[in-house]
Amino acid sequence: MSLTGELNHHLESNAPSPNYCLTGGWWCVSSFGDVAGTVAIEMQNNSYIHALDTGLFTLGSPHGDDEGPDPPEQLTAIKLSDTRIAFKSGYGKYLGINSDGLVMGRSDAIGSREQWEPVFQDGKMALLGANSCFMSYSDDGDIVANSKTAGDAEMLKIRTNTEREVKHKDELADEDRGNVKSCEVNYV
């Protein structure tokens, strides 16, 4: 096999999944395990949740296909459990919801209202808030969580620019990895 053939084979075997959806170096998460580090929440094609210095959030202006989110559209994702996460804005405040379902970033600490649950189904994703409603945006452009069901308006993407962990296919079974003693124990 030539070097070119080896390179092509390597690229094909490490090709991203169909839902990789790269935009300006930011890729879509497809499972809870992918949500980590710096993220951006895309509400519609290349429009992200934008933090305002008032503690409110709005839908940002659309970006080109080769542009990632602007700094006010970037959040830090913090895993709280196996199903819940929190988001911290660039202003150092956590995204939460008030009693009217308005998404706000005015909290200095993570409480029950600042916890979100990503829901993945059929290749789509929605964010469930502490009020058991899904995140979307209003006609005024405010970010809200006031729908008990996840329809098209509640579908969103979480994008991240963290490095993807590439899993290499190997002929060795998991039991055969490690030193001789651990392999022996795995087969007992």
N, C-alpha and C. Protein backbone atom coordinates (compact mmCIF):
# COMPACT_ATOMS: atom_id res chain seq x y z
N MET A 1 0.85 -1.17 0.00
CA MET A 1 0.00 0.00 0.00
C MET A 1 0.90 1.23 0.00
N SER A 2 0.59 2.20 -0.81
CA SER A 2 1.40 3.42 -0.88
C SER A 2 1.09 4.32 0.30
N LEU A 3 1.94 5.33 0.51
CA LEU A 3 1.72 6.28 1.60
C LEU A 3 0.38 6.98 1.43
N THR A 4 0.04 7.33 0.19
CA THR A 4 -1.24 7.98 -0.07
C THR A 4 -2.39 7.05 0.29
N GLY A 5 -2.26 5.78 -0.05
CA GLY A 5 -3.29 4.81 0.30
C GLY A 5 -3.44 4.65 1.80
N GLU A 6 -2.29 4.63 2.52
CA GLU A 6 -2.34 4.53 3.98
C GLU A 6 -3.00 5.76 4.58
N LEU A 7 -2.68 6.94 4.04
CA LEU A 7 -3.27 8.17 4.56
C LEU A 7 -4.77 8.18 4.33
N ASN A 8 -5.19 7.79 3.12
CA ASN A 8 -6.63 7.74 2.82
C ASN A 8 -7.34 6.75 3.73
N HIS A 9 -6.71 5.58 3.96
CA HIS A 9 -7.30 4.58 4.84
C HIS A 9 -7.43 5.15 6.26
N HIS A 10 -6.40 5.86 6.73
CA HIS A 10 -6.42 6.46 8.07
C HIS A 10 -7.54 7.50 8.18
N LEU A 11 -7.65 8.34 7.15
CA LEU A 11 -8.68 9.38 7.18
C LEU A 11 -10.08 8.77 7.16
N GLU A 12 -10.27 7.71 6.37
CA GLU A 12 -11.59 7.08 6.30
C GLU A 12 -11.95 6.43 7.63
N SER A 13 -10.98 5.78 8.27
CA SER A 13 -11.30 5.09 9.52
C SER A 13 -11.50 6.05 10.68
N ASN A 14 -10.96 7.28 10.58
CA ASN A 14 -11.12 8.26 11.65
C ASN A 14 -12.07 9.38 11.26
N ALA A 15 -12.84 9.16 10.21
CA ALA A 15 -13.77 10.19 9.76
C ALA A 15 -14.82 10.44 10.82
N PRO A 16 -15.24 11.69 10.98
CA PRO A 16 -16.25 12.00 11.97
C PRO A 16 -17.59 11.38 11.61
N SER A 17 -18.42 11.20 12.62
CA SER A 17 -19.74 10.64 12.39
C SER A 17 -20.59 11.64 11.60
N PRO A 18 -21.69 11.20 11.00
CA PRO A 18 -22.52 12.09 10.20
C PRO A 18 -23.04 13.29 10.99
N ASN A 19 -23.22 13.16 12.30
CA ASN A 19 -23.74 14.28 13.08
C ASN A 19 -22.62 15.13 13.67
N TYR A 20 -21.43 15.01 13.12
CA TYR A 20 -20.27 15.78 13.55
C TYR A 20 -20.53 17.27 13.34
N CYS A 21 -21.10 17.65 12.22
CA CYS A 21 -21.52 19.00 11.84
C CYS A 21 -20.56 20.10 12.30
N LEU A 22 -19.41 20.16 11.69
CA LEU A 22 -18.38 21.13 12.03
C LEU A 22 -18.74 22.51 11.49
N THR A 23 -18.64 23.53 12.34
CA THR A 23 -18.86 24.91 11.96
C THR A 23 -17.78 25.76 12.63
N GLY A 24 -16.88 26.28 11.84
CA GLY A 24 -15.85 27.17 12.38
C GLY A 24 -15.02 26.53 13.48
N GLY A 25 -14.77 25.22 13.40
CA GLY A 25 -13.99 24.53 14.42
C GLY A 25 -14.83 24.05 15.61
N TRP A 26 -16.12 24.29 15.60
CA TRP A 26 -17.03 23.88 16.67
C TRP A 26 -17.87 22.73 16.16
N TRP A 27 -17.93 21.62 16.90
CA TRP A 27 -18.69 20.44 16.48
C TRP A 27 -19.87 20.20 17.41
N CYS A 28 -20.89 19.54 16.88
CA CYS A 28 -22.11 19.25 17.63
C CYS A 28 -21.89 18.06 18.55
N VAL A 29 -22.34 18.18 19.78
CA VAL A 29 -22.29 17.04 20.68
C VAL A 29 -23.45 16.10 20.34
N SER A 30 -23.22 14.80 20.51
CA SER A 30 -24.27 13.84 20.18
C SER A 30 -24.62 12.95 21.36
N SER A 31 -23.94 13.18 22.49
CA SER A 31 -24.26 12.42 23.70
C SER A 31 -23.87 13.26 24.92
N PHE A 32 -24.38 12.88 26.06
CA PHE A 32 -24.11 13.62 27.29
C PHE A 32 -22.62 13.66 27.59
N GLY A 33 -21.92 12.60 27.28
CA GLY A 33 -20.49 12.54 27.56
C GLY A 33 -19.67 13.55 26.79
N ASP A 34 -20.20 14.05 25.67
CA ASP A 34 -19.49 15.04 24.86
C ASP A 34 -19.61 16.46 25.41
N VAL A 35 -20.57 16.71 26.30
CA VAL A 35 -20.82 18.06 26.80
C VAL A 35 -19.79 18.38 27.87
N ALA A 36 -18.79 19.19 27.50
CA ALA A 36 -17.74 19.53 28.45
C ALA A 36 -16.99 20.76 27.95
N GLY A 37 -16.42 21.50 28.88
CA GLY A 37 -15.58 22.64 28.54
C GLY A 37 -16.36 23.78 27.94
N THR A 38 -15.75 24.46 26.98
CA THR A 38 -16.37 25.61 26.34
C THR A 38 -17.40 25.13 25.32
N VAL A 39 -18.61 25.65 25.46
CA VAL A 39 -19.71 25.25 24.57
C VAL A 39 -20.47 26.49 24.10
N ALA A 40 -21.30 26.29 23.10
CA ALA A 40 -22.23 27.31 22.63
C ALA A 40 -23.53 26.59 22.30
N ILE A 41 -24.65 27.24 22.61
CA ILE A 41 -25.96 26.65 22.35
C ILE A 41 -26.54 27.30 21.10
N GLU A 42 -26.68 26.50 20.05
CA GLU A 42 -27.21 26.98 18.78
C GLU A 42 -28.71 26.72 18.74
N MET A 43 -29.48 27.79 18.60
CA MET A 43 -30.94 27.67 18.59
C MET A 43 -31.49 27.43 17.19
N GLN A 44 -30.92 28.06 16.22
CA GLN A 44 -31.29 27.84 14.83
C GLN A 44 -30.02 27.97 14.01
N ASN A 45 -30.10 27.80 12.72
CA ASN A 45 -28.89 27.73 11.90
C ASN A 45 -27.92 28.88 12.18
N ASN A 46 -26.82 28.52 12.84
CA ASN A 46 -25.70 29.42 13.12
C ASN A 46 -26.09 30.65 13.94
N SER A 47 -27.15 30.58 14.73
CA SER A 47 -27.52 31.64 15.69
C SER A 47 -27.45 31.04 17.08
N TYR A 48 -26.68 31.68 17.94
CA TYR A 48 -26.39 31.13 19.26
C TYR A 48 -27.01 31.99 20.36
N ILE A 49 -27.20 31.38 21.53
CA ILE A 49 -27.63 32.13 22.71
C ILE A 49 -26.54 33.14 23.03
N HIS A 50 -26.92 34.40 23.20
CA HIS A 50 -25.99 35.51 23.40
C HIS A 50 -26.22 36.11 24.79
N ALA A 51 -25.17 36.14 25.62
CA ALA A 51 -25.28 36.69 26.98
C ALA A 51 -25.21 38.21 26.92
N LEU A 52 -26.11 38.85 27.65
CA LEU A 52 -26.09 40.31 27.78
C LEU A 52 -25.55 40.66 29.17
N ASP A 53 -24.99 41.86 29.31
CA ASP A 53 -24.43 42.25 30.61
C ASP A 53 -25.51 42.52 31.66
N THR A 54 -26.77 42.48 31.27
CA THR A 54 -27.89 42.65 32.21
C THR A 54 -28.24 41.33 32.90
N GLY A 55 -27.63 40.23 32.45
CA GLY A 55 -27.95 38.92 32.99
C GLY A 55 -29.00 38.19 32.18
N LEU A 56 -29.50 38.81 31.14
CA LEU A 56 -30.48 38.16 30.27
C LEU A 56 -29.77 37.55 29.07
N PHE A 57 -30.50 36.73 28.33
CA PHE A 57 -29.96 36.09 27.14
C PHE A 57 -30.90 36.34 25.98
N THR A 58 -30.33 36.47 24.81
CA THR A 58 -31.11 36.68 23.61
C THR A 58 -30.53 35.81 22.51
N LEU A 59 -31.20 35.75 21.39
CA LEU A 59 -30.71 35.00 20.25
C LEU A 59 -29.77 35.92 19.47
N GLY A 60 -28.52 35.49 19.31
CA GLY A 60 -27.52 36.28 18.60
C GLY A 60 -27.78 36.32 17.11
N SER A 61 -27.03 37.17 16.42
CA SER A 61 -27.18 37.28 14.98
C SER A 61 -26.56 36.05 14.30
N PRO A 62 -27.07 35.69 13.13
CA PRO A 62 -26.54 34.51 12.43
C PRO A 62 -25.07 34.68 12.04
N HIS A 63 -24.35 33.58 12.03
CA HIS A 63 -22.94 33.56 11.62
C HIS A 63 -22.81 32.84 10.29
N GLY A 64 -21.69 33.06 9.61
CA GLY A 64 -21.39 32.33 8.39
C GLY A 64 -21.05 30.88 8.73
N ASP A 65 -21.05 30.02 7.73
CA ASP A 65 -20.77 28.60 7.94
C ASP A 65 -19.37 28.34 8.48
N ASP A 66 -18.45 29.25 8.21
CA ASP A 66 -17.07 29.05 8.65
C ASP A 66 -16.75 29.81 9.94
N GLU A 67 -17.76 30.40 10.58
CA GLU A 67 -17.56 31.18 11.80
C GLU A 67 -18.09 30.43 13.01
N GLY A 68 -17.32 30.44 14.08
CA GLY A 68 -17.80 29.91 15.35
C GLY A 68 -18.53 30.99 16.12
N PRO A 69 -18.98 30.68 17.32
CA PRO A 69 -19.68 31.66 18.14
C PRO A 69 -18.75 32.76 18.66
N ASP A 70 -19.30 33.95 18.86
CA ASP A 70 -18.57 35.08 19.44
C ASP A 70 -18.37 34.85 20.94
N PRO A 71 -17.43 35.54 21.59
CA PRO A 71 -17.21 35.35 23.03
C PRO A 71 -18.46 35.47 23.91
N PRO A 72 -19.39 36.44 23.67
CA PRO A 72 -20.59 36.47 24.53
C PRO A 72 -21.54 35.29 24.31
N GLU A 73 -21.27 34.49 23.27
CA GLU A 73 -22.10 33.32 22.97
C GLU A 73 -21.47 32.04 23.49
N GLN A 74 -20.31 32.15 24.10
CA GLN A 74 -19.60 30.98 24.61
C GLN A 74 -19.87 30.80 26.10
N LEU A 75 -20.14 29.57 26.48
CA LEU A 75 -20.46 29.22 27.86
C LEU A 75 -19.50 28.13 28.33
N THR A 76 -19.42 27.93 29.62
CA THR A 76 -18.67 26.82 30.17
C THR A 76 -19.66 25.80 30.71
N ALA A 77 -19.53 24.56 30.26
CA ALA A 77 -20.42 23.49 30.72
C ALA A 77 -19.78 22.79 31.91
N ILE A 78 -20.57 22.58 32.96
CA ILE A 78 -20.13 21.90 34.17
C ILE A 78 -21.04 20.71 34.41
N LYS A 79 -20.47 19.50 34.41
CA LYS A 79 -21.28 18.31 34.67
C LYS A 79 -21.56 18.21 36.16
N LEU A 80 -22.83 18.03 36.50
CA LEU A 80 -23.25 17.93 37.89
C LEU A 80 -23.55 16.49 38.30
N SER A 81 -24.00 15.70 37.34
CA SER A 81 -24.33 14.29 37.60
C SER A 81 -24.26 13.56 36.27
N ASP A 82 -24.80 12.37 36.22
CA ASP A 82 -24.80 11.60 34.97
C ASP A 82 -25.81 12.12 33.96
N THR A 83 -26.70 13.02 34.38
CA THR A 83 -27.72 13.53 33.47
C THR A 83 -27.85 15.04 33.49
N ARG A 84 -27.30 15.72 34.46
CA ARG A 84 -27.51 17.17 34.61
C ARG A 84 -26.21 17.95 34.44
N ILE A 85 -26.37 19.15 33.84
CA ILE A 85 -25.24 20.06 33.66
C ILE A 85 -25.65 21.47 34.05
N ALA A 86 -24.66 22.32 34.24
CA ALA A 86 -24.89 23.74 34.46
C ALA A 86 -24.06 24.48 33.43
N PHE A 87 -24.47 25.69 33.10
CA PHE A 87 -23.75 26.52 32.14
C PHE A 87 -23.37 27.83 32.82
N LYS A 88 -22.12 28.24 32.62
CA LYS A 88 -21.63 29.49 33.18
C LYS A 88 -21.30 30.44 32.03
N SER A 89 -21.83 31.66 32.11
CA SER A 89 -21.60 32.63 31.04
C SER A 89 -20.23 33.26 31.20
N GLY A 90 -19.82 34.02 30.21
CA GLY A 90 -18.56 34.75 30.27
C GLY A 90 -18.56 35.84 31.33
N TYR A 91 -19.73 36.18 31.85
CA TYR A 91 -19.84 37.16 32.92
C TYR A 91 -19.70 36.51 34.30
N GLY A 92 -19.43 35.20 34.32
CA GLY A 92 -19.22 34.49 35.58
C GLY A 92 -20.50 34.12 36.31
N LYS A 93 -21.63 34.14 35.62
CA LYS A 93 -22.92 33.82 36.22
C LYS A 93 -23.49 32.56 35.58
N TYR A 94 -24.30 31.83 36.34
CA TYR A 94 -24.87 30.57 35.88
C TYR A 94 -26.24 30.78 35.25
N LEU A 95 -26.49 30.06 34.15
CA LEU A 95 -27.79 30.11 33.48
C LEU A 95 -28.82 29.40 34.33
N GLY A 96 -29.90 30.09 34.59
CA GLY A 96 -31.01 29.51 35.34
C GLY A 96 -32.31 30.03 34.78
N ILE A 97 -33.40 29.69 35.45
CA ILE A 97 -34.71 30.17 35.01
C ILE A 97 -35.41 30.82 36.18
N ASN A 98 -36.20 31.86 35.87
CA ASN A 98 -37.00 32.47 36.93
C ASN A 98 -38.39 31.84 36.93
N SER A 99 -39.26 32.34 37.79
CA SER A 99 -40.59 31.73 37.93
C SER A 99 -41.46 31.90 36.69
N ASP A 100 -41.10 32.84 35.80
CA ASP A 100 -41.85 33.04 34.56
C ASP A 100 -41.29 32.22 33.40
N GLY A 101 -40.22 31.45 33.65
CA GLY A 101 -39.63 30.64 32.60
C GLY A 101 -38.59 31.38 31.76
N LEU A 102 -38.20 32.59 32.18
CA LEU A 102 -37.20 33.36 31.47
C LEU A 102 -35.81 32.87 31.87
N VAL A 103 -34.97 32.59 30.88
CA VAL A 103 -33.60 32.14 31.15
C VAL A 103 -32.76 33.36 31.48
N MET A 104 -32.11 33.28 32.64
CA MET A 104 -31.30 34.40 33.13
C MET A 104 -29.95 33.89 33.59
N GLY A 105 -28.98 34.78 33.63
CA GLY A 105 -27.66 34.45 34.12
C GLY A 105 -27.24 35.43 35.19
N ARG A 106 -27.85 35.32 36.36
CA ARG A 106 -27.57 36.25 37.46
C ARG A 106 -27.13 35.56 38.74
N SER A 107 -27.00 34.25 38.70
CA SER A 107 -26.68 33.49 39.91
C SER A 107 -25.17 33.26 40.02
N ASP A 108 -24.65 33.45 41.23
CA ASP A 108 -23.23 33.21 41.50
C ASP A 108 -22.95 31.76 41.85
N ALA A 109 -23.98 30.98 42.13
CA ALA A 109 -23.81 29.58 42.53
C ALA A 109 -24.82 28.72 41.78
N ILE A 110 -24.60 27.42 41.82
CA ILE A 110 -25.50 26.48 41.15
C ILE A 110 -26.52 25.98 42.15
N GLY A 111 -27.79 26.29 41.88
CA GLY A 111 -28.90 25.77 42.67
C GLY A 111 -29.76 24.90 41.77
N SER A 112 -30.93 24.54 42.24
CA SER A 112 -31.80 23.68 41.44
C SER A 112 -32.25 24.37 40.15
N ARG A 113 -32.43 25.68 40.16
CA ARG A 113 -32.88 26.40 38.96
C ARG A 113 -31.79 26.55 37.89
N GLU A 114 -30.54 26.28 38.26
CA GLU A 114 -29.43 26.40 37.32
C GLU A 114 -29.02 25.06 36.72
N GLN A 115 -29.84 24.05 36.91
CA GLN A 115 -29.51 22.72 36.39
C GLN A 115 -30.34 22.42 35.14
N TRP A 116 -29.66 21.87 34.15
CA TRP A 116 -30.27 21.55 32.86
C TRP A 116 -30.01 20.09 32.52
N GLU A 117 -30.96 19.51 31.83
CA GLU A 117 -30.80 18.11 31.41
C GLU A 117 -30.90 18.02 29.89
N PRO A 118 -29.78 17.68 29.23
CA PRO A 118 -29.85 17.47 27.78
C PRO A 118 -30.63 16.20 27.47
N VAL A 119 -31.56 16.29 26.55
CA VAL A 119 -32.37 15.15 26.14
C VAL A 119 -32.05 14.85 24.68
N PHE A 120 -31.49 13.67 24.42
CA PHE A 120 -31.11 13.24 23.08
C PHE A 120 -32.10 12.19 22.60
N GLN A 121 -32.62 12.41 21.38
CA GLN A 121 -33.54 11.42 20.81
C GLN A 121 -33.54 11.57 19.29
N ASP A 122 -33.38 10.46 18.59
CA ASP A 122 -33.43 10.41 17.13
C ASP A 122 -32.49 11.42 16.48
N GLY A 123 -31.29 11.60 17.03
CA GLY A 123 -30.31 12.50 16.45
C GLY A 123 -30.59 13.96 16.72
N LYS A 124 -31.58 14.27 17.54
CA LYS A 124 -31.91 15.65 17.89
C LYS A 124 -31.69 15.85 19.38
N MET A 125 -31.67 17.11 19.80
CA MET A 125 -31.43 17.41 21.20
C MET A 125 -32.27 18.59 21.66
N ALA A 126 -32.67 18.54 22.94
CA ALA A 126 -33.38 19.64 23.59
C ALA A 126 -32.83 19.76 25.01
N LEU A 127 -32.98 20.92 25.62
CA LEU A 127 -32.52 21.14 26.99
C LEU A 127 -33.72 21.32 27.91
N LEU A 128 -33.82 20.45 28.90
CA LEU A 128 -34.90 20.47 29.87
C LEU A 128 -34.46 21.25 31.10
N GLY A 129 -35.23 22.26 31.47
CA GLY A 129 -34.91 23.10 32.63
C GLY A 129 -35.47 22.53 33.91
N ALA A 130 -35.15 23.19 35.03
CA ALA A 130 -35.60 22.75 36.35
C ALA A 130 -37.11 22.85 36.51
N ASN A 131 -37.76 23.65 35.67
CA ASN A 131 -39.21 23.79 35.73
C ASN A 131 -39.92 22.75 34.85
N SER A 132 -39.18 21.73 34.38
CA SER A 132 -39.70 20.66 33.51
C SER A 132 -40.19 21.20 32.17
N CYS A 133 -39.60 22.30 31.72
CA CYS A 133 -39.91 22.88 30.42
C CYS A 133 -38.64 22.95 29.58
N PHE A 134 -38.82 22.92 28.27
CA PHE A 134 -37.69 22.91 27.35
C PHE A 134 -37.31 24.33 26.92
N MET A 135 -36.00 24.53 26.70
CA MET A 135 -35.48 25.83 26.30
C MET A 135 -35.83 26.12 24.84
N SER A 136 -36.20 27.37 24.59
CA SER A 136 -36.45 27.85 23.24
C SER A 136 -36.28 29.38 23.27
N TYR A 137 -36.77 30.07 22.26
CA TYR A 137 -36.72 31.53 22.28
C TYR A 137 -38.09 32.09 21.94
N SER A 138 -38.37 33.24 22.49
CA SER A 138 -39.68 33.88 22.29
C SER A 138 -39.66 34.73 21.03
N ASP A 139 -40.83 35.27 20.66
CA ASP A 139 -40.93 36.15 19.51
C ASP A 139 -40.09 37.41 19.69
N ASP A 140 -39.88 37.81 20.94
CA ASP A 140 -39.07 38.99 21.25
C ASP A 140 -37.57 38.70 21.19
N GLY A 141 -37.21 37.42 21.03
CA GLY A 141 -35.81 37.03 20.99
C GLY A 141 -35.24 36.64 22.34
N ASP A 142 -36.08 36.67 23.40
CA ASP A 142 -35.62 36.26 24.73
C ASP A 142 -35.49 34.74 24.76
N ILE A 143 -34.54 34.25 25.55
CA ILE A 143 -34.39 32.81 25.73
C ILE A 143 -35.28 32.41 26.90
N VAL A 144 -36.15 31.43 26.67
CA VAL A 144 -37.14 31.02 27.66
C VAL A 144 -37.15 29.50 27.80
N ALA A 145 -37.76 29.03 28.86
CA ALA A 145 -38.02 27.60 29.06
C ALA A 145 -39.45 27.51 29.55
N ASN A 146 -40.39 27.39 28.60
CA ASN A 146 -41.80 27.41 28.98
C ASN A 146 -42.67 26.42 28.21
N SER A 147 -42.06 25.46 27.52
CA SER A 147 -42.83 24.47 26.80
C SER A 147 -42.61 23.10 27.44
N LYS A 148 -43.71 22.44 27.81
CA LYS A 148 -43.62 21.11 28.45
C LYS A 148 -43.25 20.01 27.46
N THR A 149 -43.40 20.29 26.16
CA THR A 149 -43.04 19.32 25.14
C THR A 149 -41.94 19.90 24.25
N ALA A 150 -41.16 19.03 23.67
CA ALA A 150 -40.06 19.46 22.81
C ALA A 150 -40.47 19.32 21.35
N GLY A 151 -40.87 20.44 20.75
CA GLY A 151 -41.20 20.46 19.33
C GLY A 151 -40.01 21.01 18.55
N ASP A 152 -40.25 21.37 17.30
CA ASP A 152 -39.17 21.90 16.46
C ASP A 152 -38.54 23.16 17.04
N ALA A 153 -39.33 24.02 17.68
CA ALA A 153 -38.81 25.26 18.24
C ALA A 153 -37.86 25.01 19.41
N GLU A 154 -37.99 23.86 20.06
CA GLU A 154 -37.14 23.54 21.22
C GLU A 154 -35.90 22.74 20.84
N MET A 155 -35.79 22.34 19.59
CA MET A 155 -34.61 21.58 19.16
C MET A 155 -33.43 22.53 19.02
N LEU A 156 -32.30 22.13 19.55
CA LEU A 156 -31.10 22.96 19.50
C LEU A 156 -29.88 22.09 19.38
N LYS A 157 -28.74 22.71 19.27
CA LYS A 157 -27.47 21.99 19.21
C LYS A 157 -26.54 22.61 20.24
N ILE A 158 -25.82 21.76 20.94
CA ILE A 158 -24.72 22.24 21.77
C ILE A 158 -23.46 21.97 20.98
N ARG A 159 -22.70 23.02 20.76
CA ARG A 159 -21.44 22.89 20.04
C ARG A 159 -20.28 23.09 21.01
N THR A 160 -19.18 22.43 20.75
CA THR A 160 -17.99 22.60 21.57
C THR A 160 -16.76 22.64 20.67
N ASN A 161 -15.71 23.26 21.17
CA ASN A 161 -14.47 23.30 20.41
C ASN A 161 -13.38 22.48 21.08
N THR A 162 -13.77 21.66 22.07
CA THR A 162 -12.79 20.79 22.72
C THR A 162 -12.37 19.71 21.74
N GLU A 163 -11.19 19.17 21.96
CA GLU A 163 -10.70 18.12 21.06
C GLU A 163 -11.54 16.87 21.22
N ARG A 164 -11.87 16.29 20.08
CA ARG A 164 -12.61 15.03 20.10
C ARG A 164 -11.67 13.90 20.43
N GLU A 165 -12.13 13.00 21.26
CA GLU A 165 -11.35 11.81 21.58
C GLU A 165 -11.57 10.79 20.48
N VAL A 166 -10.51 10.50 19.75
CA VAL A 166 -10.61 9.55 18.64
C VAL A 166 -10.33 8.16 19.19
N LYS A 167 -11.28 7.26 18.99
CA LYS A 167 -11.10 5.88 19.42
C LYS A 167 -10.57 5.08 18.24
N HIS A 168 -9.42 4.48 18.42
CA HIS A 168 -8.83 3.67 17.36
C HIS A 168 -9.33 2.24 17.50
N LYS A 169 -9.72 1.68 16.38
CA LYS A 169 -10.15 0.29 16.39
C LYS A 169 -8.91 -0.59 16.55
N ASP A 170 -9.02 -1.55 17.41
CA ASP A 170 -7.89 -2.41 17.71
C ASP A 170 -8.38 -3.85 17.72
N GLU A 171 -7.50 -4.75 17.40
CA GLU A 171 -7.85 -6.16 17.36
C GLU A 171 -7.94 -6.76 18.76
N LEU A 172 -7.33 -6.12 19.77
CA LEU A 172 -7.31 -6.66 21.12
C LEU A 172 -8.64 -6.45 21.82
N ALA A 173 -9.11 -7.47 22.49
CA ALA A 173 -10.32 -7.34 23.31
C ALA A 173 -9.94 -6.57 24.57
N ASP A 174 -10.92 -5.92 25.21
CA ASP A 174 -10.66 -5.16 26.42
C ASP A 174 -10.02 -6.02 27.50
N GLU A 175 -10.38 -7.31 27.55
CA GLU A 175 -9.83 -8.20 28.56
C GLU A 175 -8.34 -8.45 28.35
N ASP A 176 -7.87 -8.28 27.11
CA ASP A 176 -6.48 -8.56 26.79
C ASP A 176 -5.57 -7.35 26.98
N ARG A 177 -6.09 -6.24 27.38
CA ARG A 177 -5.29 -5.03 27.56
C ARG A 177 -4.66 -5.03 28.96
N GLY A 178 -3.54 -4.36 29.07
CA GLY A 178 -2.88 -4.24 30.37
C GLY A 178 -1.73 -5.22 30.49
N ASN A 179 -1.29 -5.41 31.71
CA ASN A 179 -0.16 -6.32 31.93
C ASN A 179 -0.66 -7.76 32.04
N VAL A 180 0.27 -8.69 32.16
CA VAL A 180 -0.06 -10.12 32.17
C VAL A 180 -0.99 -10.46 33.33
N LYS A 181 -0.72 -9.91 34.49
CA LYS A 181 -1.54 -10.23 35.67
C LYS A 181 -2.98 -9.77 35.48
N SER A 182 -3.17 -8.53 34.98
CA SER A 182 -4.55 -8.05 34.80
C SER A 182 -5.28 -8.86 33.73
N CYS A 183 -4.57 -9.29 32.69
CA CYS A 183 -5.19 -10.13 31.65
C CYS A 183 -5.62 -11.47 32.24
N GLU A 184 -4.75 -12.04 33.09
CA GLU A 184 -5.07 -13.31 33.70
C GLU A 184 -6.28 -13.19 34.61
N VAL A 185 -6.35 -12.12 35.40
CA VAL A 185 -7.49 -11.89 36.30
C VAL A 185 -8.77 -11.69 35.50
N ASN A 186 -8.68 -11.02 34.36
CA ASN A 186 -9.86 -10.78 33.52
C ASN A 186 -10.47 -12.06 32.98
N TYR A 187 -9.66 -13.10 32.80
CA TYR A 187 -10.15 -14.35 32.26
C TYR A 187 -10.54 -15.35 33.34
N VAL A 188 -10.37 -15.01 34.60
CA VAL A 188 -10.69 -15.96 35.69
C VAL A 188 -12.12 -15.77 36.11
